[in-house]
Amino acid sequence: MARKMLAWLAFLVLTTVSAAAECRYGPVTFCDGCTLQRSITVPRNEACEFVGYIQNGSFRGFDVVERPKRGSFGVHSPTFAAYRAGAKSGADRFVYRVKWEVGGRPHVATIVNTVTITD
């Protein structure tokens, strides 16, 4: 099972680079302890990539809080995650936490992603 998941994540990483141009979402500004809302639009069977970057600090990773129902969300490394839309159009949702550190102090924010999967 672990090998199958690693193979899936490797596939996801390789395909998100070219597919990411089809994904649309706005940026979010992390704030310690807050919950942020983000709308994402992505075509069926395409992917969105999320790269964690913190200016003047260190990005420490993603934690999955709620998995999507119509697609898949995977964390490949502490700084890279991706969502792949399923084969059916419609609404989806997934939630994750981001962790970062500034000046030796840990921070966390929750990102609630509302997805529209298009034809």
PDB file of N, CA and C in Angstrom:
ATOM      1  N   MET A   1       0.826  -1.197   0.000  1.00  0.00           N
ATOM      2  CA  MET A   1       0.000   0.000   0.000  1.00  0.00           C
ATOM      3  C   MET A   1       0.867   1.256   0.000  1.00  0.00           C
ATOM      4  N   ALA A   2       1.935   1.268   0.812  1.00  0.00           N
ATOM      5  CA  ALA A   2       2.812   2.440   0.870  1.00  0.00           C
ATOM      6  C   ALA A   2       3.494   2.668  -0.475  1.00  0.00           C
ATOM      7  N   ARG A   3       3.920   1.582  -1.143  1.00  0.00           N
ATOM      8  CA  ARG A   3       4.546   1.718  -2.461  1.00  0.00           C
ATOM      9  C   ARG A   3       3.571   2.277  -3.476  1.00  0.00           C
ATOM     10  N   LYS A   4       2.323   1.813  -3.402  1.00  0.00           N
ATOM     11  CA  LYS A   4       1.304   2.299  -4.333  1.00  0.00           C
ATOM     12  C   LYS A   4       1.093   3.801  -4.132  1.00  0.00           C
ATOM     13  N   MET A   5       1.052   4.251  -2.880  1.00  0.00           N
ATOM     14  CA  MET A   5       0.873   5.669  -2.583  1.00  0.00           C
ATOM     15  C   MET A   5       2.073   6.472  -3.074  1.00  0.00           C
ATOM     16  N   LEU A   6       3.292   5.970  -2.857  1.00  0.00           N
ATOM     17  CA  LEU A   6       4.479   6.670  -3.335  1.00  0.00           C
ATOM     18  C   LEU A   6       4.490   6.755  -4.852  1.00  0.00           C
ATOM     19  N   ALA A   7       4.092   5.683  -5.526  1.00  0.00           N
ATOM     20  CA  ALA A   7       4.028   5.706  -6.991  1.00  0.00           C
ATOM     21  C   ALA A   7       2.994   6.728  -7.448  1.00  0.00           C
ATOM     22  N   TRP A   8       1.852   6.782  -6.770  1.00  0.00           N
ATOM     23  CA  TRP A   8       0.809   7.749  -7.124  1.00  0.00           C
ATOM     24  C   TRP A   8       1.329   9.167  -6.936  1.00  0.00           C
ATOM     25  N   LEU A   9       2.010   9.427  -5.825  1.00  0.00           N
ATOM     26  CA  LEU A   9       2.537  10.761  -5.579  1.00  0.00           C
ATOM     27  C   LEU A   9       3.589  11.133  -6.618  1.00  0.00           C
ATOM     28  N   ALA A  10       4.444  10.178  -7.010  1.00  0.00           N
ATOM     29  CA  ALA A  10       5.443  10.461  -8.037  1.00  0.00           C
ATOM     30  C   ALA A  10       4.755  10.817  -9.346  1.00  0.00           C
ATOM     31  N   PHE A  11       3.714  10.086  -9.699  1.00  0.00           N
ATOM     32  CA  PHE A  11       2.945  10.388 -10.912  1.00  0.00           C
ATOM     33  C   PHE A  11       2.317  11.768 -10.798  1.00  0.00           C
ATOM     34  N   LEU A  12       1.740  12.060  -9.663  1.00  0.00           N
ATOM     35  CA  LEU A  12       1.091  13.343  -9.443  1.00  0.00           C
ATOM     36  C   LEU A  12       2.082  14.489  -9.614  1.00  0.00           C
ATOM     37  N   VAL A  13       3.253  14.354  -9.070  1.00  0.00           N
ATOM     38  CA  VAL A  13       4.260  15.398  -9.163  1.00  0.00           C
ATOM     39  C   VAL A  13       4.667  15.619 -10.613  1.00  0.00           C
ATOM     40  N   LEU A  14       4.890  14.574 -11.359  1.00  0.00           N
ATOM     41  CA  LEU A  14       5.323  14.710 -12.744  1.00  0.00           C
ATOM     42  C   LEU A  14       4.257  15.345 -13.621  1.00  0.00           C
ATOM     43  N   THR A  15       2.991  15.093 -13.337  1.00  0.00           N
ATOM     44  CA  THR A  15       1.948  15.617 -14.201  1.00  0.00           C
ATOM     45  C   THR A  15       1.460  16.999 -13.789  1.00  0.00           C
ATOM     46  N   THR A  16       1.697  17.422 -12.571  1.00  0.00           N
ATOM     47  CA  THR A  16       1.180  18.723 -12.154  1.00  0.00           C
ATOM     48  C   THR A  16       1.938  19.876 -12.800  1.00  0.00           C
ATOM     49  N   VAL A  17       3.152  19.669 -13.178  1.00  0.00           N
ATOM     50  CA  VAL A  17       3.936  20.762 -13.748  1.00  0.00           C
ATOM     51  C   VAL A  17       3.292  21.274 -15.028  1.00  0.00           C
ATOM     52  N   SER A  18       2.906  20.381 -15.934  1.00  0.00           N
ATOM     53  CA  SER A  18       2.289  20.830 -17.176  1.00  0.00           C
ATOM     54  C   SER A  18       0.814  21.163 -16.985  1.00  0.00           C
ATOM     55  N   ALA A  19       0.150  20.491 -16.078  1.00  0.00           N
ATOM     56  CA  ALA A  19      -1.285  20.705 -15.888  1.00  0.00           C
ATOM     57  C   ALA A  19      -1.590  21.929 -15.041  1.00  0.00           C
ATOM     58  N   ALA A  20      -0.622  22.414 -14.283  1.00  0.00           N
ATOM     59  CA  ALA A  20      -0.876  23.507 -13.347  1.00  0.00           C
ATOM     60  C   ALA A  20      -1.363  24.775 -14.047  1.00  0.00           C
ATOM     61  N   ALA A  21      -1.020  24.962 -15.323  1.00  0.00           N
ATOM     62  CA  ALA A  21      -1.456  26.155 -16.049  1.00  0.00           C
ATOM     63  C   ALA A  21      -2.973  26.190 -16.212  1.00  0.00           C
ATOM     64  N   GLU A  22      -3.634  25.067 -16.170  1.00  0.00           N
ATOM     65  CA  GLU A  22      -5.085  24.984 -16.303  1.00  0.00           C
ATOM     66  C   GLU A  22      -5.805  25.291 -14.989  1.00  0.00           C
ATOM     67  N   CYS A  23      -5.098  25.246 -13.906  1.00  0.00           N
ATOM     68  CA  CYS A  23      -5.660  25.472 -12.577  1.00  0.00           C
ATOM     69  C   CYS A  23      -5.629  26.966 -12.273  1.00  0.00           C
ATOM     70  N   ARG A  24      -6.736  27.481 -11.706  1.00  0.00           N
ATOM     71  CA  ARG A  24      -6.782  28.902 -11.339  1.00  0.00           C
ATOM     72  C   ARG A  24      -7.163  29.038  -9.868  1.00  0.00           C
ATOM     73  N   TYR A  25      -6.363  29.796  -9.152  1.00  0.00           N
ATOM     74  CA  TYR A  25      -6.676  30.134  -7.763  1.00  0.00           C
ATOM     75  C   TYR A  25      -5.868  31.350  -7.370  1.00  0.00           C
ATOM     76  N   GLY A  26      -6.366  32.070  -6.405  1.00  0.00           N
ATOM     77  CA  GLY A  26      -5.679  33.261  -5.937  1.00  0.00           C
ATOM     78  C   GLY A  26      -4.687  32.939  -4.844  1.00  0.00           C
ATOM     79  N   PRO A  27      -3.778  33.864  -4.599  1.00  0.00           N
ATOM     80  CA  PRO A  27      -2.799  33.660  -3.526  1.00  0.00           C
ATOM     81  C   PRO A  27      -3.453  33.826  -2.159  1.00  0.00           C
ATOM     82  N   VAL A  28      -2.821  33.263  -1.167  1.00  0.00           N
ATOM     83  CA  VAL A  28      -3.247  33.482   0.215  1.00  0.00           C
ATOM     84  C   VAL A  28      -2.052  34.007   0.995  1.00  0.00           C
ATOM     85  N   THR A  29      -2.329  34.857   1.949  1.00  0.00           N
ATOM     86  CA  THR A  29      -1.291  35.377   2.830  1.00  0.00           C
ATOM     87  C   THR A  29      -1.465  34.709   4.180  1.00  0.00           C
ATOM     88  N   PHE A  30      -0.472  33.934   4.574  1.00  0.00           N
ATOM     89  CA  PHE A  30      -0.561  33.192   5.824  1.00  0.00           C
ATOM     90  C   PHE A  30      -0.598  34.135   7.019  1.00  0.00           C
ATOM     91  N   CYS A  31      -1.394  33.789   7.999  1.00  0.00           N
ATOM     92  CA  CYS A  31      -1.453  34.516   9.258  1.00  0.00           C
ATOM     93  C   CYS A  31      -1.568  33.479  10.367  1.00  0.00           C
ATOM     94  N   ASP A  32      -0.790  33.632  11.403  1.00  0.00           N
ATOM     95  CA  ASP A  32      -0.726  32.633  12.459  1.00  0.00           C
ATOM     96  C   ASP A  32      -2.078  32.421  13.132  1.00  0.00           C
ATOM     97  N   GLY A  33      -2.519  31.175  13.141  1.00  0.00           N
ATOM     98  CA  GLY A  33      -3.753  30.809  13.820  1.00  0.00           C
ATOM     99  C   GLY A  33      -5.029  31.088  13.049  1.00  0.00           C
ATOM    100  N   CYS A  34      -4.939  31.610  11.838  1.00  0.00           N
ATOM    101  CA  CYS A  34      -6.156  31.974  11.104  1.00  0.00           C
ATOM    102  C   CYS A  34      -6.621  30.849  10.175  1.00  0.00           C
ATOM    103  N   THR A  35      -7.860  30.985   9.715  1.00  0.00           N
ATOM    104  CA  THR A  35      -8.443  30.103   8.720  1.00  0.00           C
ATOM    105  C   THR A  35      -8.724  30.938   7.483  1.00  0.00           C
ATOM    106  N   LEU A  36      -8.156  30.525   6.346  1.00  0.00           N
ATOM    107  CA  LEU A  36      -8.277  31.258   5.090  1.00  0.00           C
ATOM    108  C   LEU A  36      -9.138  30.480   4.107  1.00  0.00           C
ATOM    109  N   GLN A  37      -9.920  31.184   3.314  1.00  0.00           N
ATOM    110  CA  GLN A  37     -10.780  30.580   2.286  1.00  0.00           C
ATOM    111  C   GLN A  37     -10.138  30.820   0.924  1.00  0.00           C
ATOM    112  N   ARG A  38     -10.148  29.789   0.068  1.00  0.00           N
ATOM    113  CA  ARG A  38      -9.619  29.956  -1.280  1.00  0.00           C
ATOM    114  C   ARG A  38     -10.513  29.216  -2.268  1.00  0.00           C
ATOM    115  N   SER A  39     -10.824  29.867  -3.391  1.00  0.00           N
ATOM    116  CA  SER A  39     -11.597  29.254  -4.477  1.00  0.00           C
ATOM    117  C   SER A  39     -10.634  28.785  -5.557  1.00  0.00           C
ATOM    118  N   ILE A  40     -10.864  27.581  -6.043  1.00  0.00           N
ATOM    119  CA  ILE A  40     -10.012  26.978  -7.067  1.00  0.00           C
ATOM    120  C   ILE A  40     -10.907  26.521  -8.214  1.00  0.00           C
ATOM    121  N   THR A  41     -10.479  26.763  -9.447  1.00  0.00           N
ATOM    122  CA  THR A  41     -11.166  26.247 -10.631  1.00  0.00           C
ATOM    123  C   THR A  41     -10.166  25.399 -11.392  1.00  0.00           C
ATOM    124  N   VAL A  42     -10.562  24.171 -11.705  1.00  0.00           N
ATOM    125  CA  VAL A  42      -9.662  23.241 -12.390  1.00  0.00           C
ATOM    126  C   VAL A  42     -10.481  22.330 -13.309  1.00  0.00           C
ATOM    127  N   PRO A  43     -10.005  22.066 -14.532  1.00  0.00           N
ATOM    128  CA  PRO A  43     -10.708  21.138 -15.419  1.00  0.00           C
ATOM    129  C   PRO A  43     -10.658  19.701 -14.893  1.00  0.00           C
ATOM    130  N   ARG A  44     -11.620  18.900 -15.332  1.00  0.00           N
ATOM    131  CA  ARG A  44     -11.644  17.482 -14.971  1.00  0.00           C
ATOM    132  C   ARG A  44     -10.285  16.843 -15.275  1.00  0.00           C
ATOM    133  N   ASN A  45      -9.852  15.958 -14.400  1.00  0.00           N
ATOM    134  CA  ASN A  45      -8.617  15.175 -14.557  1.00  0.00           C
ATOM    135  C   ASN A  45      -7.333  16.010 -14.632  1.00  0.00           C
ATOM    136  N   GLU A  46      -7.410  17.278 -14.300  1.00  0.00           N
ATOM    137  CA  GLU A  46      -6.211  18.124 -14.293  1.00  0.00           C
ATOM    138  C   GLU A  46      -5.777  18.356 -12.845  1.00  0.00           C
ATOM    139  N   ALA A  47      -4.657  19.028 -12.667  1.00  0.00           N
ATOM    140  CA  ALA A  47      -4.092  19.175 -11.331  1.00  0.00           C
ATOM    141  C   ALA A  47      -3.698  20.614 -11.013  1.00  0.00           C
ATOM    142  N   CYS A  48      -3.613  20.891  -9.725  1.00  0.00           N
ATOM    143  CA  CYS A  48      -3.118  22.159  -9.198  1.00  0.00           C
ATOM    144  C   CYS A  48      -1.962  21.829  -8.265  1.00  0.00           C
ATOM    145  N   GLU A  49      -0.921  22.620  -8.331  1.00  0.00           N
ATOM    146  CA  GLU A  49       0.186  22.410  -7.408  1.00  0.00           C
ATOM    147  C   GLU A  49       0.252  23.560  -6.414  1.00  0.00           C
ATOM    148  N   PHE A  50       0.712  23.247  -5.226  1.00  0.00           N
ATOM    149  CA  PHE A  50       0.832  24.227  -4.162  1.00  0.00           C
ATOM    150  C   PHE A  50       2.256  24.132  -3.622  1.00  0.00           C
ATOM    151  N   VAL A  51       3.004  25.204  -3.759  1.00  0.00           N
ATOM    152  CA  VAL A  51       4.380  25.239  -3.294  1.00  0.00           C
ATOM    153  C   VAL A  51       4.439  26.190  -2.111  1.00  0.00           C
ATOM    154  N   GLY A  52       4.928  25.703  -0.996  1.00  0.00           N
ATOM    155  CA  GLY A  52       5.020  26.521   0.211  1.00  0.00           C
ATOM    156  C   GLY A  52       6.280  27.358   0.218  1.00  0.00           C
ATOM    157  N   TYR A  53       6.107  28.645   0.395  1.00  0.00           N
ATOM    158  CA  TYR A  53       7.234  29.566   0.454  1.00  0.00           C
ATOM    159  C   TYR A  53       6.931  30.635   1.496  1.00  0.00           C
ATOM    160  N   ILE A  54       7.876  30.880   2.361  1.00  0.00           N
ATOM    161  CA  ILE A  54       7.735  31.910   3.387  1.00  0.00           C
ATOM    162  C   ILE A  54       8.912  32.871   3.258  1.00  0.00           C
ATOM    163  N   GLN A  55       8.601  34.149   3.078  1.00  0.00           N
ATOM    164  CA  GLN A  55       9.662  35.151   3.015  1.00  0.00           C
ATOM    165  C   GLN A  55      10.174  35.398   4.426  1.00  0.00           C
ATOM    166  N   ASN A  56      11.473  35.433   4.595  1.00  0.00           N
ATOM    167  CA  ASN A  56      12.111  35.668   5.896  1.00  0.00           C
ATOM    168  C   ASN A  56      11.791  34.591   6.921  1.00  0.00           C
ATOM    169  N   GLY A  57      11.594  33.361   6.485  1.00  0.00           N
ATOM    170  CA  GLY A  57      11.325  32.273   7.403  1.00  0.00           C
ATOM    171  C   GLY A  57      11.518  30.932   6.713  1.00  0.00           C
ATOM    172  N   SER A  58      11.026  29.870   7.339  1.00  0.00           N
ATOM    173  CA  SER A  58      11.139  28.517   6.800  1.00  0.00           C
ATOM    174  C   SER A  58       9.769  27.867   6.727  1.00  0.00           C
ATOM    175  N   PHE A  59       9.423  27.351   5.567  1.00  0.00           N
ATOM    176  CA  PHE A  59       8.179  26.612   5.419  1.00  0.00           C
ATOM    177  C   PHE A  59       8.398  25.230   6.007  1.00  0.00           C
ATOM    178  N   ARG A  60       7.464  24.743   6.820  1.00  0.00           N
ATOM    179  CA  ARG A  60       7.647  23.488   7.545  1.00  0.00           C
ATOM    180  C   ARG A  60       6.700  22.370   7.133  1.00  0.00           C
ATOM    181  N   GLY A  61       5.747  22.630   6.241  1.00  0.00           N
ATOM    182  CA  GLY A  61       4.950  21.515   5.743  1.00  0.00           C
ATOM    183  C   GLY A  61       3.456  21.728   5.714  1.00  0.00           C
ATOM    184  N   PHE A  62       2.795  20.701   5.184  1.00  0.00           N
ATOM    185  CA  PHE A  62       1.344  20.643   5.034  1.00  0.00           C
ATOM    186  C   PHE A  62       0.803  19.497   5.884  1.00  0.00           C
ATOM    187  N   ASP A  63      -0.350  19.684   6.505  1.00  0.00           N
ATOM    188  CA  ASP A  63      -1.079  18.609   7.188  1.00  0.00           C
ATOM    189  C   ASP A  63      -2.478  18.558   6.600  1.00  0.00           C
ATOM    190  N   VAL A  64      -2.901  17.398   6.147  1.00  0.00           N
ATOM    191  CA  VAL A  64      -4.241  17.246   5.588  1.00  0.00           C
ATOM    192  C   VAL A  64      -5.247  17.198   6.737  1.00  0.00           C
ATOM    193  N   VAL A  65      -6.271  18.043   6.650  1.00  0.00           N
ATOM    194  CA  VAL A  65      -7.337  18.078   7.653  1.00  0.00           C
ATOM    195  C   VAL A  65      -8.578  17.379   7.113  1.00  0.00           C
ATOM    196  N   GLU A  66      -8.944  17.682   5.865  1.00  0.00           N
ATOM    197  CA  GLU A  66     -10.124  17.086   5.222  1.00  0.00           C
ATOM    198  C   GLU A  66      -9.768  16.760   3.773  1.00  0.00           C
ATOM    199  N   ARG A  67      -9.929  15.505   3.406  1.00  0.00           N
ATOM    200  CA  ARG A  67      -9.625  15.067   2.043  1.00  0.00           C
ATOM    201  C   ARG A  67     -10.779  15.412   1.101  1.00  0.00           C
ATOM    202  N   PRO A  68     -10.470  15.654  -0.184  1.00  0.00           N
ATOM    203  CA  PRO A  68     -11.532  15.934  -1.154  1.00  0.00           C
ATOM    204  C   PRO A  68     -12.333  14.670  -1.475  1.00  0.00           C
ATOM    205  N   LYS A  69     -13.546  14.858  -1.994  1.00  0.00           N
ATOM    206  CA  LYS A  69     -14.420  13.731  -2.347  1.00  0.00           C
ATOM    207  C   LYS A  69     -14.350  13.403  -3.841  1.00  0.00           C
ATOM    208  N   ARG A  70     -14.189  14.425  -4.703  1.00  0.00           N
ATOM    209  CA  ARG A  70     -14.198  14.221  -6.167  1.00  0.00           C
ATOM    210  C   ARG A  70     -12.807  14.191  -6.778  1.00  0.00           C
ATOM    211  N   GLY A  71     -11.805  14.439  -5.986  1.00  0.00           N
ATOM    212  CA  GLY A  71     -10.435  14.456  -6.478  1.00  0.00           C
ATOM    213  C   GLY A  71      -9.507  13.876  -5.441  1.00  0.00           C
ATOM    214  N   SER A  72      -8.211  14.148  -5.599  1.00  0.00           N
ATOM    215  CA  SER A  72      -7.197  13.647  -4.671  1.00  0.00           C
ATOM    216  C   SER A  72      -6.277  14.791  -4.278  1.00  0.00           C
ATOM    217  N   PHE A  73      -5.841  14.781  -3.037  1.00  0.00           N
ATOM    218  CA  PHE A  73      -4.884  15.758  -2.552  1.00  0.00           C
ATOM    219  C   PHE A  73      -3.741  14.994  -1.917  1.00  0.00           C
ATOM    220  N   GLY A  74      -2.516  15.308  -2.316  1.00  0.00           N
ATOM    221  CA  GLY A  74      -1.361  14.615  -1.773  1.00  0.00           C
ATOM    222  C   GLY A  74      -0.246  15.564  -1.427  1.00  0.00           C
ATOM    223  N   VAL A  75       0.496  15.223  -0.393  1.00  0.00           N
ATOM    224  CA  VAL A  75       1.645  15.997   0.040  1.00  0.00           C
ATOM    225  C   VAL A  75       2.885  15.224  -0.390  1.00  0.00           C
ATOM    226  N   HIS A  76       3.708  15.837  -1.242  1.00  0.00           N
ATOM    227  CA  HIS A  76       4.889  15.159  -1.765  1.00  0.00           C
ATOM    228  C   HIS A  76       6.134  15.427  -0.912  1.00  0.00           C
ATOM    229  N   SER A  77       6.237  16.621  -0.392  1.00  0.00           N
ATOM    230  CA  SER A  77       7.399  16.996   0.422  1.00  0.00           C
ATOM    231  C   SER A  77       6.948  18.096   1.376  1.00  0.00           C
ATOM    232  N   PRO A  78       7.805  18.523   2.269  1.00  0.00           N
ATOM    233  CA  PRO A  78       7.391  19.597   3.173  1.00  0.00           C
ATOM    234  C   PRO A  78       6.999  20.898   2.472  1.00  0.00           C
ATOM    235  N   THR A  79       7.407  21.077   1.207  1.00  0.00           N
ATOM    236  CA  THR A  79       7.099  22.327   0.514  1.00  0.00           C
ATOM    237  C   THR A  79       6.244  22.157  -0.740  1.00  0.00           C
ATOM    238  N   PHE A  80       5.787  20.945  -1.037  1.00  0.00           N
ATOM    239  CA  PHE A  80       5.045  20.723  -2.278  1.00  0.00           C
ATOM    240  C   PHE A  80       3.851  19.793  -2.043  1.00  0.00           C
ATOM    241  N   ALA A  81       2.667  20.247  -2.480  1.00  0.00           N
ATOM    242  CA  ALA A  81       1.453  19.427  -2.422  1.00  0.00           C
ATOM    243  C   ALA A  81       0.685  19.666  -3.718  1.00  0.00           C
ATOM    244  N   ALA A  82      -0.263  18.780  -4.026  1.00  0.00           N
ATOM    245  CA  ALA A  82      -1.035  18.929  -5.259  1.00  0.00           C
ATOM    246  C   ALA A  82      -2.434  18.354  -5.094  1.00  0.00           C
ATOM    247  N   TYR A  83      -3.369  18.959  -5.830  1.00  0.00           N
ATOM    248  CA  TYR A  83      -4.750  18.477  -5.910  1.00  0.00           C
ATOM    249  C   TYR A  83      -4.988  18.042  -7.352  1.00  0.00           C
ATOM    250  N   ARG A  84      -5.544  16.861  -7.544  1.00  0.00           N
ATOM    251  CA  ARG A  84      -5.920  16.384  -8.875  1.00  0.00           C
ATOM    252  C   ARG A  84      -7.422  16.202  -8.895  1.00  0.00           C
ATOM    253  N   ALA A  85      -8.082  16.898  -9.840  1.00  0.00           N
ATOM    254  CA  ALA A  85      -9.532  16.790  -9.991  1.00  0.00           C
ATOM    255  C   ALA A  85      -9.898  15.409 -10.527  1.00  0.00           C
ATOM    256  N   GLY A  86     -11.070  14.952 -10.159  1.00  0.00           N
ATOM    257  CA  GLY A  86     -11.564  13.677 -10.650  1.00  0.00           C
ATOM    258  C   GLY A  86     -12.156  13.804 -12.046  1.00  0.00           C
ATOM    259  N   ALA A  87     -12.790  12.737 -12.513  1.00  0.00           N
ATOM    260  CA  ALA A  87     -13.329  12.669 -13.875  1.00  0.00           C
ATOM    261  C   ALA A  87     -14.687  13.348 -14.027  1.00  0.00           C
ATOM    262  N   LYS A  88     -15.349  13.673 -12.922  1.00  0.00           N
ATOM    263  CA  LYS A  88     -16.678  14.294 -12.991  1.00  0.00           C
ATOM    264  C   LYS A  88     -16.598  15.759 -12.594  1.00  0.00           C
ATOM    265  N   SER A  89     -17.288  16.605 -13.363  1.00  0.00           N
ATOM    266  CA  SER A  89     -17.332  18.022 -13.005  1.00  0.00           C
ATOM    267  C   SER A  89     -18.239  18.212 -11.794  1.00  0.00           C
ATOM    268  N   GLY A  90     -18.081  19.354 -11.132  1.00  0.00           N
ATOM    269  CA  GLY A  90     -18.898  19.655  -9.953  1.00  0.00           C
ATOM    270  C   GLY A  90     -18.054  20.326  -8.882  1.00  0.00           C
ATOM    271  N   ALA A  91     -18.604  20.335  -7.682  1.00  0.00           N
ATOM    272  CA  ALA A  91     -17.945  20.998  -6.554  1.00  0.00           C
ATOM    273  C   ALA A  91     -17.164  19.996  -5.716  1.00  0.00           C
ATOM    274  N   ASP A  92     -16.070  20.465  -5.158  1.00  0.00           N
ATOM    275  CA  ASP A  92     -15.264  19.659  -4.248  1.00  0.00           C
ATOM    276  C   ASP A  92     -14.714  20.594  -3.173  1.00  0.00           C
ATOM    277  N   ARG A  93     -14.116  20.017  -2.172  1.00  0.00           N
ATOM    278  CA  ARG A  93     -13.568  20.805  -1.062  1.00  0.00           C
ATOM    279  C   ARG A  93     -12.505  19.973  -0.372  1.00  0.00           C
ATOM    280  N   PHE A  94     -11.432  20.639   0.032  1.00  0.00           N
ATOM    281  CA  PHE A  94     -10.425  19.994   0.867  1.00  0.00           C
ATOM    282  C   PHE A  94      -9.791  21.054   1.750  1.00  0.00           C
ATOM    283  N   VAL A  95      -9.268  20.605   2.871  1.00  0.00           N
ATOM    284  CA  VAL A  95      -8.719  21.520   3.874  1.00  0.00           C
ATOM    285  C   VAL A  95      -7.348  21.002   4.295  1.00  0.00           C
ATOM    286  N   TYR A  96      -6.406  21.918   4.401  1.00  0.00           N
ATOM    287  CA  TYR A  96      -5.101  21.546   4.931  1.00  0.00           C
ATOM    288  C   TYR A  96      -4.547  22.678   5.789  1.00  0.00           C
ATOM    289  N   ARG A  97      -3.587  22.316   6.633  1.00  0.00           N
ATOM    290  CA  ARG A  97      -2.881  23.299   7.450  1.00  0.00           C
ATOM    291  C   ARG A  97      -1.480  23.478   6.877  1.00  0.00           C
ATOM    292  N   VAL A  98      -1.003  24.687   6.924  1.00  0.00           N
ATOM    293  CA  VAL A  98       0.381  24.966   6.564  1.00  0.00           C
ATOM    294  C   VAL A  98       1.129  25.357   7.833  1.00  0.00           C
ATOM    295  N   LYS A  99       2.368  24.909   7.900  1.00  0.00           N
ATOM    296  CA  LYS A  99       3.207  25.207   9.059  1.00  0.00           C
ATOM    297  C   LYS A  99       4.465  25.923   8.577  1.00  0.00           C
ATOM    298  N   TRP A 100       4.871  26.936   9.326  1.00  0.00           N
ATOM    299  CA  TRP A 100       6.098  27.648   9.004  1.00  0.00           C
ATOM    300  C   TRP A 100       6.714  28.175  10.279  1.00  0.00           C
ATOM    301  N   GLU A 101       7.943  28.638  10.147  1.00  0.00           N
ATOM    302  CA  GLU A 101       8.679  29.140  11.294  1.00  0.00           C
ATOM    303  C   GLU A 101       9.347  30.464  10.910  1.00  0.00           C
ATOM    304  N   VAL A 102       9.264  31.421  11.802  1.00  0.00           N
ATOM    305  CA  VAL A 102       9.948  32.702  11.621  1.00  0.00           C
ATOM    306  C   VAL A 102      10.643  33.030  12.939  1.00  0.00           C
ATOM    307  N   GLY A 103      11.931  33.271  12.862  1.00  0.00           N
ATOM    308  CA  GLY A 103      12.690  33.609  14.066  1.00  0.00           C
ATOM    309  C   GLY A 103      12.629  32.534  15.134  1.00  0.00           C
ATOM    310  N   GLY A 104      12.565  31.280  14.732  1.00  0.00           N
ATOM    311  CA  GLY A 104      12.512  30.172  15.682  1.00  0.00           C
ATOM    312  C   GLY A 104      11.142  29.924  16.282  1.00  0.00           C
ATOM    313  N   ARG A 105      10.144  30.698  15.885  1.00  0.00           N
ATOM    314  CA  ARG A 105       8.782  30.545  16.429  1.00  0.00           C
ATOM    315  C   ARG A 105       7.881  29.854  15.401  1.00  0.00           C
ATOM    316  N   PRO A 106       7.233  28.739  15.790  1.00  0.00           N
ATOM    317  CA  PRO A 106       6.349  28.028  14.858  1.00  0.00           C
ATOM    318  C   PRO A 106       5.012  28.751  14.670  1.00  0.00           C
ATOM    319  N   HIS A 107       4.461  28.622  13.455  1.00  0.00           N
ATOM    320  CA  HIS A 107       3.173  29.220  13.102  1.00  0.00           C
ATOM    321  C   HIS A 107       2.362  28.189  12.325  1.00  0.00           C
ATOM    322  N   VAL A 108       1.040  28.376  12.300  1.00  0.00           N
ATOM    323  CA  VAL A 108       0.159  27.485  11.543  1.00  0.00           C
ATOM    324  C   VAL A 108      -1.055  28.274  11.057  1.00  0.00           C
ATOM    325  N   ALA A 109      -1.517  27.941   9.863  1.00  0.00           N
ATOM    326  CA  ALA A 109      -2.754  28.512   9.306  1.00  0.00           C
ATOM    327  C   ALA A 109      -3.510  27.385   8.620  1.00  0.00           C
ATOM    328  N   THR A 110      -4.825  27.502   8.572  1.00  0.00           N
ATOM    329  CA  THR A 110      -5.673  26.510   7.919  1.00  0.00           C
ATOM    330  C   THR A 110      -6.203  27.100   6.624  1.00  0.00           C
ATOM    331  N   ILE A 111      -6.104  26.332   5.529  1.00  0.00           N
ATOM    332  CA  ILE A 111      -6.583  26.759   4.213  1.00  0.00           C
ATOM    333  C   ILE A 111      -7.772  25.891   3.827  1.00  0.00           C
ATOM    334  N   VAL A 112      -8.936  26.522   3.660  1.00  0.00           N
ATOM    335  CA  VAL A 112     -10.155  25.828   3.218  1.00  0.00           C
ATOM    336  C   VAL A 112     -10.295  26.089   1.721  1.00  0.00           C
ATOM    337  N   ASN A 113     -10.185  25.035   0.918  1.00  0.00           N
ATOM    338  CA  ASN A 113     -10.204  25.145  -0.541  1.00  0.00           C
ATOM    339  C   ASN A 113     -11.543  24.678  -1.076  1.00  0.00           C
ATOM    340  N   THR A 114     -12.267  25.594  -1.735  1.00  0.00           N
ATOM    341  CA  THR A 114     -13.526  25.273  -2.396  1.00  0.00           C
ATOM    342  C   THR A 114     -13.215  25.149  -3.884  1.00  0.00           C
ATOM    343  N   VAL A 115     -13.441  23.960  -4.445  1.00  0.00           N
ATOM    344  CA  VAL A 115     -13.024  23.666  -5.807  1.00  0.00           C
ATOM    345  C   VAL A 115     -14.237  23.566  -6.726  1.00  0.00           C
ATOM    346  N   THR A 116     -14.096  24.140  -7.931  1.00  0.00           N
ATOM    347  CA  THR A 116     -15.061  23.942  -9.003  1.00  0.00           C
ATOM    348  C   THR A 116     -14.339  23.157 -10.094  1.00  0.00           C
ATOM    349  N   ILE A 117     -14.803  21.950 -10.358  1.00  0.00           N
ATOM    350  CA  ILE A 117     -14.229  21.116 -11.411  1.00  0.00           C
ATOM    351  C   ILE A 117     -15.064  21.361 -12.672  1.00  0.00           C
ATOM    352  N   THR A 118     -14.392  21.804 -13.733  1.00  0.00           N
ATOM    353  CA  THR A 118     -15.096  22.170 -14.964  1.00  0.00           C
ATOM    354  C   THR A 118     -14.900  21.127 -16.066  1.00  0.00           C
ATOM    355  N   ASP A 119     -15.759  21.208 -17.096  1.00  0.00           N
ATOM    356  CA  ASP A 119     -15.630  20.299 -18.252  1.00  0.00           C
ATOM    357  C   ASP A 119     -14.544  20.742 -19.189  1.00  0.00           C
TER     358      ASP A 119
END
